[in-house]
Structure formats: C-alpha cells, structure tokens
Amino acid sequence: MSPLTLILHIFLGSTLAGSAVIAVLVMGYVSWMAMLIAAVVGFVAAFPVSVLVARKLEG
C-alpha cells in the first residue's frame, strides 16, 4: 500500500463515514449503534475507493 493510498484513506474514510452517518440519521435511525455501524461501514468502504483513486493519480 503506497503512502498516497493511506493519505487518501484519511480523507475518503472520514468523508464516507460522515456521509453514511448522515444517511442513517435522515432515514430516522437515531440510535448510537446505527450511527456507529454506519461510520464503520463508511470507513471500511473507503479502502478500495482510496486504492482506486491512488492508482488513477499515480498513472
């Protein structure tokens, strides 16, 4: 894993986790467990996204 991938994951992970939490709140699930699960899912989903973006940027 390149350093660019890790740097991208910092930004993409927080963005996707935040978006997932907002989506859960909009759907009406206001429990802490639902928000925690959404944040973890967003954070984990950022791994393949950051790899793909890093590959595109590196050429």
Protein backbone atom coordinates (compact mmCIF):
# COMPACT_ATOMS: atom_id res chain seq x y z
CA MET A 1 0.00 0.00 0.00
CA SER A 2 1.52 3.29 -1.07
CA PRO A 3 1.71 6.36 1.16
CA LEU A 4 -0.67 8.12 -1.22
CA THR A 5 -3.28 5.44 -0.56
CA LEU A 6 -3.01 5.95 3.18
CA ILE A 7 -3.27 9.74 2.88
CA LEU A 8 -6.29 9.41 0.61
CA HIS A 9 -7.89 6.98 3.05
CA ILE A 10 -7.70 9.58 5.81
CA PHE A 11 -9.81 11.98 3.77
CA LEU A 12 -12.06 9.49 1.99
CA GLY A 13 -12.67 7.46 5.15
CA SER A 14 -13.92 10.44 7.09
CA THR A 15 -15.98 11.67 4.15
CA LEU A 16 -17.68 8.33 3.51
CA ALA A 17 -18.19 7.65 7.23
CA GLY A 18 -19.76 11.07 7.71
CA SER A 19 -21.98 10.64 4.68
CA ALA A 20 -23.12 7.24 5.92
CA VAL A 21 -23.96 8.63 9.36
CA ILE A 22 -25.95 11.48 7.81
CA ALA A 23 -27.81 8.99 5.59
CA VAL A 24 -28.68 6.87 8.64
CA LEU A 25 -29.94 9.92 10.51
CA VAL A 26 -32.06 11.04 7.55
CA MET A 27 -33.64 7.58 7.42
CA GLY A 28 -34.71 8.05 11.03
CA TYR A 29 -32.34 5.70 12.84
CA VAL A 30 -31.14 7.80 15.74
CA SER A 31 -29.57 5.13 17.95
CA TRP A 32 -25.86 5.21 18.69
CA MET A 33 -25.46 1.67 17.40
CA ALA A 34 -26.90 2.54 13.98
CA MET A 35 -24.60 5.55 13.71
CA LEU A 36 -21.57 3.52 14.80
CA ILE A 37 -22.29 0.78 12.27
CA ALA A 38 -22.73 3.35 9.51
CA ALA A 39 -19.45 5.03 10.42
CA VAL A 40 -17.56 1.73 10.41
CA VAL A 41 -19.11 0.71 7.08
CA GLY A 42 -18.14 4.04 5.54
CA PHE A 43 -14.60 3.79 6.91
CA VAL A 44 -14.14 0.24 5.58
CA ALA A 45 -15.68 1.11 2.21
CA ALA A 46 -13.05 3.82 1.79
CA PHE A 47 -10.22 1.26 1.50
CA PRO A 48 -11.00 0.07 -2.06
CA VAL A 49 -12.01 3.58 -3.09
CA SER A 50 -8.69 5.03 -1.93
CA VAL A 51 -6.77 2.29 -3.74
CA LEU A 52 -8.61 3.03 -6.98
CA VAL A 53 -8.10 6.78 -6.67
CA ALA A 54 -4.41 6.33 -5.85
CA ARG A 55 -3.93 4.12 -8.92
CA LYS A 56 -5.58 6.74 -11.11
CA LEU A 57 -3.44 9.52 -9.67
CA GLU A 58 -0.18 7.58 -9.93
CA GLY A 59 -0.78 6.78 -13.55
